[in-house]
Amino acid sequence: MRTIETLMSNCKLVTTNRHVRESALYHPSRVHIIDRDDPQIPEEFLRQPFEPHPADVRERHSIRGWAAELLSLTEPDQRTAPV
């Protein structure tokens, strides 16, 4: 599964992608970043409870939130809009 789908399904993620730390979805209880050359998953990570996402993060990453953000990006230019 991809990162967003995995985390929004309240599943833990083990990845080599260090950029996930910059995401609002990141929390050490949800994501463990491994070294590709020395992959190790601490037992503590597996036993640690999954920290629920804050309501605003859940909403932003929901289909409704995604569509609202997409549709509000730009308003059509009336001069170039098709008739």
N, C-alpha and C. Protein backbone atom coordinates (compact mmCIF):
# COMPACT_ATOMS: atom_id res chain seq x y z
N MET A 1 0.85 -1.19 0.00
CA MET A 1 0.00 0.00 0.00
C MET A 1 0.88 1.24 0.00
N ARG A 2 0.33 2.29 -0.48
CA ARG A 2 1.06 3.55 -0.47
C ARG A 2 0.98 4.18 0.92
N THR A 3 1.84 5.14 1.16
CA THR A 3 1.98 5.75 2.47
C THR A 3 0.68 6.30 3.02
N ILE A 4 -0.01 7.14 2.27
CA ILE A 4 -1.23 7.77 2.78
C ILE A 4 -2.29 6.73 3.09
N GLU A 5 -2.51 5.79 2.17
CA GLU A 5 -3.53 4.77 2.39
C GLU A 5 -3.21 3.92 3.60
N THR A 6 -1.94 3.58 3.77
CA THR A 6 -1.53 2.76 4.91
C THR A 6 -1.81 3.49 6.22
N LEU A 7 -1.35 4.72 6.32
CA LEU A 7 -1.48 5.46 7.57
C LEU A 7 -2.93 5.86 7.85
N MET A 8 -3.68 6.19 6.83
CA MET A 8 -5.09 6.55 7.04
C MET A 8 -5.94 5.33 7.37
N SER A 9 -5.41 4.14 7.13
CA SER A 9 -6.09 2.91 7.52
C SER A 9 -5.70 2.49 8.93
N ASN A 10 -5.01 3.38 9.62
CA ASN A 10 -4.54 3.14 10.99
C ASN A 10 -3.63 1.92 11.08
N CYS A 11 -2.80 1.77 10.05
CA CYS A 11 -1.79 0.72 10.03
C CYS A 11 -0.42 1.36 10.19
N LYS A 12 0.47 0.65 10.83
CA LYS A 12 1.83 1.16 10.96
C LYS A 12 2.56 0.99 9.64
N LEU A 13 3.55 1.85 9.44
CA LEU A 13 4.31 1.85 8.19
C LEU A 13 5.80 1.71 8.49
N VAL A 14 6.45 0.79 7.81
CA VAL A 14 7.90 0.66 7.83
C VAL A 14 8.36 1.03 6.42
N THR A 15 9.26 1.99 6.35
CA THR A 15 9.65 2.53 5.04
C THR A 15 11.12 2.96 5.05
N THR A 16 11.66 3.13 3.86
CA THR A 16 13.00 3.71 3.73
C THR A 16 12.90 5.19 3.35
N ASN A 17 11.69 5.68 3.15
CA ASN A 17 11.46 7.06 2.70
C ASN A 17 11.58 8.03 3.88
N ARG A 18 12.70 8.71 3.95
CA ARG A 18 12.95 9.65 5.07
C ARG A 18 12.08 10.92 4.96
N HIS A 19 11.54 11.20 3.80
CA HIS A 19 10.73 12.40 3.60
C HIS A 19 9.39 12.31 4.33
N VAL A 20 8.99 11.13 4.72
CA VAL A 20 7.72 10.97 5.43
C VAL A 20 7.73 11.73 6.75
N ARG A 21 8.91 12.00 7.29
CA ARG A 21 9.02 12.78 8.54
C ARG A 21 8.45 14.18 8.39
N GLU A 22 8.42 14.70 7.17
CA GLU A 22 7.92 16.04 6.91
C GLU A 22 6.40 16.08 6.77
N SER A 23 5.77 14.93 6.78
CA SER A 23 4.33 14.83 6.59
C SER A 23 3.58 15.00 7.90
N ALA A 24 2.38 15.56 7.81
CA ALA A 24 1.51 15.67 8.99
C ALA A 24 1.09 14.29 9.48
N LEU A 25 1.22 13.28 8.64
CA LEU A 25 0.85 11.92 9.03
C LEU A 25 1.91 11.25 9.88
N TYR A 26 3.10 11.83 9.92
CA TYR A 26 4.21 11.19 10.65
C TYR A 26 4.03 11.30 12.15
N HIS A 27 4.27 10.21 12.81
CA HIS A 27 4.40 10.13 14.27
C HIS A 27 5.23 8.88 14.53
N PRO A 28 6.16 8.92 15.47
CA PRO A 28 7.01 7.75 15.70
C PRO A 28 6.23 6.47 16.06
N SER A 29 5.02 6.60 16.54
CA SER A 29 4.23 5.40 16.84
C SER A 29 3.60 4.81 15.58
N ARG A 30 3.59 5.59 14.50
CA ARG A 30 2.96 5.14 13.25
C ARG A 30 3.96 4.75 12.18
N VAL A 31 5.13 5.39 12.19
CA VAL A 31 6.10 5.21 11.10
C VAL A 31 7.48 4.90 11.66
N HIS A 32 8.09 3.88 11.10
CA HIS A 32 9.48 3.58 11.42
C HIS A 32 10.27 3.61 10.11
N ILE A 33 11.32 4.41 10.09
CA ILE A 33 12.15 4.55 8.90
C ILE A 33 13.38 3.66 9.08
N ILE A 34 13.57 2.76 8.13
CA ILE A 34 14.68 1.83 8.22
C ILE A 34 15.79 2.22 7.25
N ASP A 35 16.96 1.73 7.56
CA ASP A 35 18.13 1.89 6.70
C ASP A 35 18.10 0.73 5.70
N ARG A 36 18.10 1.04 4.44
CA ARG A 36 18.02 0.01 3.40
C ARG A 36 19.16 -1.01 3.52
N ASP A 37 20.34 -0.56 3.98
CA ASP A 37 21.50 -1.44 4.09
C ASP A 37 21.52 -2.24 5.39
N ASP A 38 20.74 -1.82 6.36
CA ASP A 38 20.70 -2.51 7.65
C ASP A 38 19.28 -2.43 8.21
N PRO A 39 18.34 -3.09 7.56
CA PRO A 39 16.93 -2.98 7.97
C PRO A 39 16.67 -3.66 9.32
N GLN A 40 16.26 -2.84 10.27
CA GLN A 40 15.93 -3.36 11.60
C GLN A 40 14.65 -2.68 12.07
N ILE A 41 13.77 -3.47 12.62
CA ILE A 41 12.52 -2.94 13.16
C ILE A 41 12.50 -3.25 14.65
N PRO A 42 12.61 -2.22 15.48
CA PRO A 42 12.62 -2.47 16.92
C PRO A 42 11.29 -3.07 17.39
N GLU A 43 11.39 -4.01 18.30
CA GLU A 43 10.20 -4.62 18.86
C GLU A 43 9.33 -3.57 19.55
N GLU A 44 9.96 -2.56 20.11
CA GLU A 44 9.23 -1.47 20.78
C GLU A 44 8.27 -0.78 19.81
N PHE A 45 8.71 -0.57 18.56
CA PHE A 45 7.85 0.06 17.57
C PHE A 45 6.60 -0.79 17.33
N LEU A 46 6.79 -2.09 17.23
CA LEU A 46 5.67 -2.99 16.96
C LEU A 46 4.69 -3.06 18.14
N ARG A 47 5.21 -2.96 19.34
CA ARG A 47 4.35 -3.05 20.54
C ARG A 47 3.69 -1.73 20.92
N GLN A 48 4.30 -0.64 20.51
CA GLN A 48 3.80 0.70 20.85
C GLN A 48 2.42 0.92 20.22
N PRO A 49 1.46 1.44 21.00
CA PRO A 49 0.13 1.71 20.43
C PRO A 49 0.20 2.74 19.31
N PHE A 50 -0.68 2.58 18.34
CA PHE A 50 -0.78 3.50 17.22
C PHE A 50 -1.42 4.79 17.72
N GLU A 51 -0.73 5.90 17.60
CA GLU A 51 -1.26 7.21 18.00
C GLU A 51 -2.26 7.67 16.96
N PRO A 52 -3.52 7.87 17.34
CA PRO A 52 -4.52 8.30 16.35
C PRO A 52 -4.16 9.65 15.72
N HIS A 53 -4.59 9.83 14.49
CA HIS A 53 -4.36 11.09 13.79
C HIS A 53 -5.27 12.16 14.38
N PRO A 54 -4.78 13.40 14.50
CA PRO A 54 -5.66 14.49 14.91
C PRO A 54 -6.80 14.66 13.90
N ALA A 55 -7.93 15.16 14.34
CA ALA A 55 -9.11 15.31 13.48
C ALA A 55 -8.81 16.13 12.22
N ASP A 56 -8.04 17.20 12.35
CA ASP A 56 -7.76 18.04 11.17
C ASP A 56 -6.92 17.29 10.14
N VAL A 57 -6.02 16.45 10.58
CA VAL A 57 -5.20 15.66 9.66
C VAL A 57 -6.06 14.61 8.97
N ARG A 58 -6.93 13.94 9.73
CA ARG A 58 -7.84 12.95 9.13
C ARG A 58 -8.72 13.61 8.07
N GLU A 59 -9.26 14.79 8.39
CA GLU A 59 -10.14 15.48 7.45
C GLU A 59 -9.38 15.88 6.18
N ARG A 60 -8.20 16.43 6.34
CA ARG A 60 -7.42 16.89 5.18
C ARG A 60 -7.08 15.75 4.24
N HIS A 61 -6.83 14.57 4.78
CA HIS A 61 -6.44 13.43 3.96
C HIS A 61 -7.62 12.53 3.58
N SER A 62 -8.82 12.94 3.91
CA SER A 62 -10.00 12.18 3.49
C SER A 62 -10.33 12.55 2.05
N ILE A 63 -11.21 11.78 1.43
CA ILE A 63 -11.64 12.09 0.06
C ILE A 63 -12.29 13.46 0.02
N ARG A 64 -13.12 13.75 1.01
CA ARG A 64 -13.80 15.04 1.05
C ARG A 64 -12.79 16.19 1.17
N GLY A 65 -11.80 16.03 2.05
CA GLY A 65 -10.78 17.06 2.22
C GLY A 65 -9.93 17.25 0.99
N TRP A 66 -9.58 16.13 0.36
CA TRP A 66 -8.78 16.18 -0.86
C TRP A 66 -9.55 16.91 -1.97
N ALA A 67 -10.82 16.56 -2.14
CA ALA A 67 -11.62 17.20 -3.18
C ALA A 67 -11.81 18.69 -2.91
N ALA A 68 -12.06 19.04 -1.65
CA ALA A 68 -12.24 20.46 -1.30
C ALA A 68 -10.98 21.25 -1.60
N GLU A 69 -9.83 20.68 -1.28
CA GLU A 69 -8.57 21.39 -1.55
C GLU A 69 -8.33 21.49 -3.05
N LEU A 70 -8.60 20.43 -3.77
CA LEU A 70 -8.40 20.43 -5.21
C LEU A 70 -9.31 21.45 -5.90
N LEU A 71 -10.57 21.48 -5.52
CA LEU A 71 -11.53 22.36 -6.17
C LEU A 71 -11.35 23.82 -5.80
N SER A 72 -10.69 24.10 -4.70
CA SER A 72 -10.52 25.49 -4.30
C SER A 72 -9.17 26.06 -4.72
N LEU A 73 -8.39 25.32 -5.46
CA LEU A 73 -7.06 25.80 -5.86
C LEU A 73 -7.15 27.03 -6.76
N THR A 74 -7.97 26.96 -7.76
CA THR A 74 -8.08 28.08 -8.68
C THR A 74 -9.52 28.22 -9.15
N GLU A 75 -9.90 29.42 -9.42
CA GLU A 75 -11.20 29.68 -10.02
C GLU A 75 -10.99 29.81 -11.52
N PRO A 76 -11.90 29.29 -12.31
CA PRO A 76 -11.72 29.42 -13.77
C PRO A 76 -11.72 30.87 -14.19
N ASP A 77 -10.86 31.18 -15.13
CA ASP A 77 -10.79 32.52 -15.68
C ASP A 77 -11.96 32.67 -16.66
N GLN A 78 -12.86 33.56 -16.36
CA GLN A 78 -14.06 33.72 -17.19
C GLN A 78 -13.73 34.12 -18.63
N ARG A 79 -12.59 34.77 -18.85
CA ARG A 79 -12.23 35.18 -20.21
C ARG A 79 -11.81 34.00 -21.07
N THR A 80 -11.29 32.94 -20.43
CA THR A 80 -10.81 31.80 -21.22
C THR A 80 -11.65 30.55 -21.02
N ALA A 81 -12.68 30.65 -20.20
CA ALA A 81 -13.52 29.48 -19.96
C ALA A 81 -14.30 29.12 -21.21
N PRO A 82 -14.42 27.81 -21.49
CA PRO A 82 -15.19 27.42 -22.67
C PRO A 82 -16.65 27.78 -22.51
N VAL A 83 -17.29 28.05 -23.62
CA VAL A 83 -18.70 28.44 -23.62
C VAL A 83 -19.57 27.22 -23.75
